[in-house]
Amino acid sequence: VETEYGNIGLGICYDIRFPEYSMILAKKFNCKLLCFPSDFSLPTGALHWNTLLKGRAVDCMSYVAGCQAARNVDEPDLFQAWGHSKVVTPWGKPLGTSGIKESIIYQDIDISEVDACRA
């Protein structure tokens, strides 16, 4: 997606597992922010979520926004999402993060940090 601030790459939760996909977005399309709406389960979220977000940010020298579904604690027999949406810098530093409840993260990002990281 082309914006006045820079290109934004979009994928889904499964796509974040493959560094090649993110690298194509970052290199070929010059995306400075990668967004992954996701619905990781409790086991895979606990094991992989933070690692994958940081990995893609560092691999691609881009900001990464992982937008996770909130957990449904009122109905424990239904699928339980991991939650914990997060924004990560191109250096792998976590910025804004949420818990397991429905919420919105407002996070300022500095696009020049992507250019500095890639230089």
C-alpha atoms as a PDB file:
ATOM      1  CA  VAL A   1       0.000   0.000   0.000  1.00  0.00           C
ATOM      2  CA  GLU A   2       1.518   3.320  -1.063  1.00  0.00           C
ATOM      3  CA  THR A   3       1.055   6.178   1.425  1.00  0.00           C
ATOM      4  CA  GLU A   4       2.509   9.647   1.810  1.00  0.00           C
ATOM      5  CA  TYR A   5       4.673   8.285   4.665  1.00  0.00           C
ATOM      6  CA  GLY A   6       6.063   5.301   2.796  1.00  0.00           C
ATOM      7  CA  ASN A   7       4.958   1.903   1.565  1.00  0.00           C
ATOM      8  CA  ILE A   8       3.192  -0.518   3.892  1.00  0.00           C
ATOM      9  CA  GLY A   9       3.425  -4.258   3.292  1.00  0.00           C
ATOM     10  CA  LEU A  10       0.539  -6.509   4.288  1.00  0.00           C
ATOM     11  CA  GLY A  11       0.452 -10.181   5.081  1.00  0.00           C
ATOM     12  CA  ILE A  12      -1.497 -12.588   7.261  1.00  0.00           C
ATOM     13  CA  CYS A  13      -0.436 -14.484  10.349  1.00  0.00           C
ATOM     14  CA  TYR A  14       0.924 -17.480   8.425  1.00  0.00           C
ATOM     15  CA  ASP A  15       3.030 -15.212   6.188  1.00  0.00           C
ATOM     16  CA  ILE A  16       5.087 -13.933   9.123  1.00  0.00           C
ATOM     17  CA  ARG A  17       6.691 -17.376   9.383  1.00  0.00           C
ATOM     18  CA  PHE A  18       8.457 -16.951   6.033  1.00  0.00           C
ATOM     19  CA  PRO A  19      11.244 -14.344   5.980  1.00  0.00           C
ATOM     20  CA  GLU A  20      11.374 -14.401   2.174  1.00  0.00           C
ATOM     21  CA  TYR A  21       7.868 -12.944   1.870  1.00  0.00           C
ATOM     22  CA  SER A  22       8.694 -10.061   4.190  1.00  0.00           C
ATOM     23  CA  MET A  23      12.028  -9.450   2.477  1.00  0.00           C
ATOM     24  CA  ILE A  24      10.314  -9.136  -0.912  1.00  0.00           C
ATOM     25  CA  LEU A  25       7.961  -6.537   0.579  1.00  0.00           C
ATOM     26  CA  ALA A  26      10.873  -4.634   2.113  1.00  0.00           C
ATOM     27  CA  LYS A  27      13.313  -4.827  -0.806  1.00  0.00           C
ATOM     28  CA  LYS A  28      11.244  -4.979  -3.972  1.00  0.00           C
ATOM     29  CA  PHE A  29       8.437  -2.678  -2.806  1.00  0.00           C
ATOM     30  CA  ASN A  30      10.483  -0.591  -0.315  1.00  0.00           C
ATOM     31  CA  CYS A  31       7.976  -1.195   2.506  1.00  0.00           C
ATOM     32  CA  LYS A  32       8.993   0.527   5.711  1.00  0.00           C
ATOM     33  CA  LEU A  33       6.158  -0.941   7.781  1.00  0.00           C
ATOM     34  CA  LEU A  34       4.967  -4.540   7.596  1.00  0.00           C
ATOM     35  CA  CYS A  35       1.547  -5.366   9.058  1.00  0.00           C
ATOM     36  CA  PHE A  36       0.405  -8.849   9.978  1.00  0.00           C
ATOM     37  CA  PRO A  37      -3.185  -9.239  11.220  1.00  0.00           C
ATOM     38  CA  SER A  38      -3.039 -12.519  13.132  1.00  0.00           C
ATOM     39  CA  ASP A  39      -4.895 -15.107  15.155  1.00  0.00           C
ATOM     40  CA  PHE A  40      -2.181 -17.191  16.800  1.00  0.00           C
ATOM     41  CA  SER A  41      -3.389 -19.813  19.285  1.00  0.00           C
ATOM     42  CA  LEU A  42      -2.222 -19.908  22.901  1.00  0.00           C
ATOM     43  CA  PRO A  43       0.514 -22.528  22.318  1.00  0.00           C
ATOM     44  CA  THR A  44       1.942 -21.038  19.113  1.00  0.00           C
ATOM     45  CA  GLY A  45       1.554 -17.483  20.379  1.00  0.00           C
ATOM     46  CA  ALA A  46       3.497 -18.231  23.540  1.00  0.00           C
ATOM     47  CA  LEU A  47       6.285 -19.959  21.613  1.00  0.00           C
ATOM     48  CA  HIS A  48       6.558 -17.956  18.380  1.00  0.00           C
ATOM     49  CA  TRP A  49       4.776 -14.577  18.373  1.00  0.00           C
ATOM     50  CA  ASN A  50       7.470 -12.285  19.844  1.00  0.00           C
ATOM     51  CA  THR A  51      10.290 -14.145  18.116  1.00  0.00           C
ATOM     52  CA  LEU A  52       8.660 -13.872  14.689  1.00  0.00           C
ATOM     53  CA  LEU A  53       7.806 -10.176  15.076  1.00  0.00           C
ATOM     54  CA  LYS A  54      11.350  -9.288  16.116  1.00  0.00           C
ATOM     55  CA  GLY A  55      12.849 -11.582  13.490  1.00  0.00           C
ATOM     56  CA  ARG A  56      10.934 -10.012  10.612  1.00  0.00           C
ATOM     57  CA  ALA A  57      11.717  -6.503  11.852  1.00  0.00           C
ATOM     58  CA  VAL A  58      15.448  -7.237  12.025  1.00  0.00           C
ATOM     59  CA  ASP A  59      15.532  -9.333   8.810  1.00  0.00           C
ATOM     60  CA  CYS A  60      13.808  -6.614   6.787  1.00  0.00           C
ATOM     61  CA  MET A  61      15.009  -3.545   8.680  1.00  0.00           C
ATOM     62  CA  SER A  62      11.379  -2.396   8.818  1.00  0.00           C
ATOM     63  CA  TYR A  63       8.830  -1.609  11.449  1.00  0.00           C
ATOM     64  CA  VAL A  64       6.516  -4.555  12.074  1.00  0.00           C
ATOM     65  CA  ALA A  65       2.986  -4.309  13.450  1.00  0.00           C
ATOM     66  CA  GLY A  66       1.549  -7.590  14.657  1.00  0.00           C
ATOM     67  CA  CYS A  67      -2.193  -7.148  15.081  1.00  0.00           C
ATOM     68  CA  GLN A  68      -3.456 -10.090  17.141  1.00  0.00           C
ATOM     69  CA  ALA A  69      -7.045 -11.086  17.862  1.00  0.00           C
ATOM     70  CA  ALA A  70      -8.096 -10.564  21.483  1.00  0.00           C
ATOM     71  CA  ARG A  71      -8.656 -13.526  23.783  1.00  0.00           C
ATOM     72  CA  ASN A  72     -12.216 -14.611  24.586  1.00  0.00           C
ATOM     73  CA  VAL A  73     -11.897 -15.414  28.297  1.00  0.00           C
ATOM     74  CA  ASP A  74     -15.692 -15.395  28.766  1.00  0.00           C
ATOM     75  CA  GLU A  75     -16.070 -18.549  26.651  1.00  0.00           C
ATOM     76  CA  PRO A  76     -13.093 -20.802  27.438  1.00  0.00           C
ATOM     77  CA  ASP A  77     -14.436 -23.696  25.327  1.00  0.00           C
ATOM     78  CA  LEU A  78     -14.039 -21.625  22.154  1.00  0.00           C
ATOM     79  CA  PHE A  79     -10.768 -20.974  20.318  1.00  0.00           C
ATOM     80  CA  GLN A  80      -8.487 -18.787  22.411  1.00  0.00           C
ATOM     81  CA  ALA A  81      -6.285 -16.315  20.567  1.00  0.00           C
ATOM     82  CA  TRP A  82      -2.916 -15.321  21.972  1.00  0.00           C
ATOM     83  CA  GLY A  83      -3.546 -11.558  21.971  1.00  0.00           C
ATOM     84  CA  HIS A  84      -0.516  -9.338  22.657  1.00  0.00           C
ATOM     85  CA  SER A  85      -0.536  -7.092  19.586  1.00  0.00           C
ATOM     86  CA  LYS A  86       2.768  -5.291  19.196  1.00  0.00           C
ATOM     87  CA  VAL A  87       4.802  -2.787  17.192  1.00  0.00           C
ATOM     88  CA  VAL A  88       8.526  -3.529  16.747  1.00  0.00           C
ATOM     89  CA  THR A  89      11.270  -1.187  15.467  1.00  0.00           C
ATOM     90  CA  PRO A  90      13.659  -2.092  12.621  1.00  0.00           C
ATOM     91  CA  TRP A  91      16.230  -2.805  15.352  1.00  0.00           C
ATOM     92  CA  GLY A  92      13.941  -5.378  17.018  1.00  0.00           C
ATOM     93  CA  LYS A  93      12.936  -3.175  19.947  1.00  0.00           C
ATOM     94  CA  PRO A  94       9.308  -3.620  21.057  1.00  0.00           C
ATOM     95  CA  LEU A  95       7.343  -0.367  21.201  1.00  0.00           C
ATOM     96  CA  GLY A  96       3.605  -0.345  21.854  1.00  0.00           C
ATOM     97  CA  THR A  97       2.086  -3.592  23.047  1.00  0.00           C
ATOM     98  CA  SER A  98      -1.302  -4.783  24.229  1.00  0.00           C
ATOM     99  CA  GLY A  99      -2.417  -7.488  26.576  1.00  0.00           C
ATOM    100  CA  ILE A 100      -4.993 -10.164  25.900  1.00  0.00           C
ATOM    101  CA  LYS A 101      -8.053  -7.895  25.912  1.00  0.00           C
ATOM    102  CA  GLU A 102      -9.470  -5.959  22.978  1.00  0.00           C
ATOM    103  CA  SER A 103      -7.529  -2.710  22.659  1.00  0.00           C
ATOM    104  CA  ILE A 104      -6.005  -0.245  20.234  1.00  0.00           C
ATOM    105  CA  ILE A 105      -2.306   0.610  20.137  1.00  0.00           C
ATOM    106  CA  TYR A 106      -1.432   4.148  19.139  1.00  0.00           C
ATOM    107  CA  GLN A 107       2.267   4.293  18.364  1.00  0.00           C
ATOM    108  CA  ASP A 108       4.319   6.991  16.681  1.00  0.00           C
ATOM    109  CA  ILE A 109       6.989   5.583  14.403  1.00  0.00           C
ATOM    110  CA  ASP A 110       9.951   7.375  12.886  1.00  0.00           C
ATOM    111  CA  ILE A 111      10.333   6.351   9.232  1.00  0.00           C
ATOM    112  CA  SER A 112      13.832   7.866   9.178  1.00  0.00           C
ATOM    113  CA  GLU A 113      14.821   5.095  11.586  1.00  0.00           C
ATOM    114  CA  VAL A 114      14.216   2.593   8.763  1.00  0.00           C
ATOM    115  CA  ASP A 115      16.519   4.564   6.452  1.00  0.00           C
ATOM    116  CA  ALA A 116      19.189   4.777   9.179  1.00  0.00           C
ATOM    117  CA  CYS A 117      18.947   1.045   9.844  1.00  0.00           C
ATOM    118  CA  ARG A 118      19.208   0.220   6.126  1.00  0.00           C
ATOM    119  CA  ALA A 119      22.150   2.577   5.526  1.00  0.00           C
END
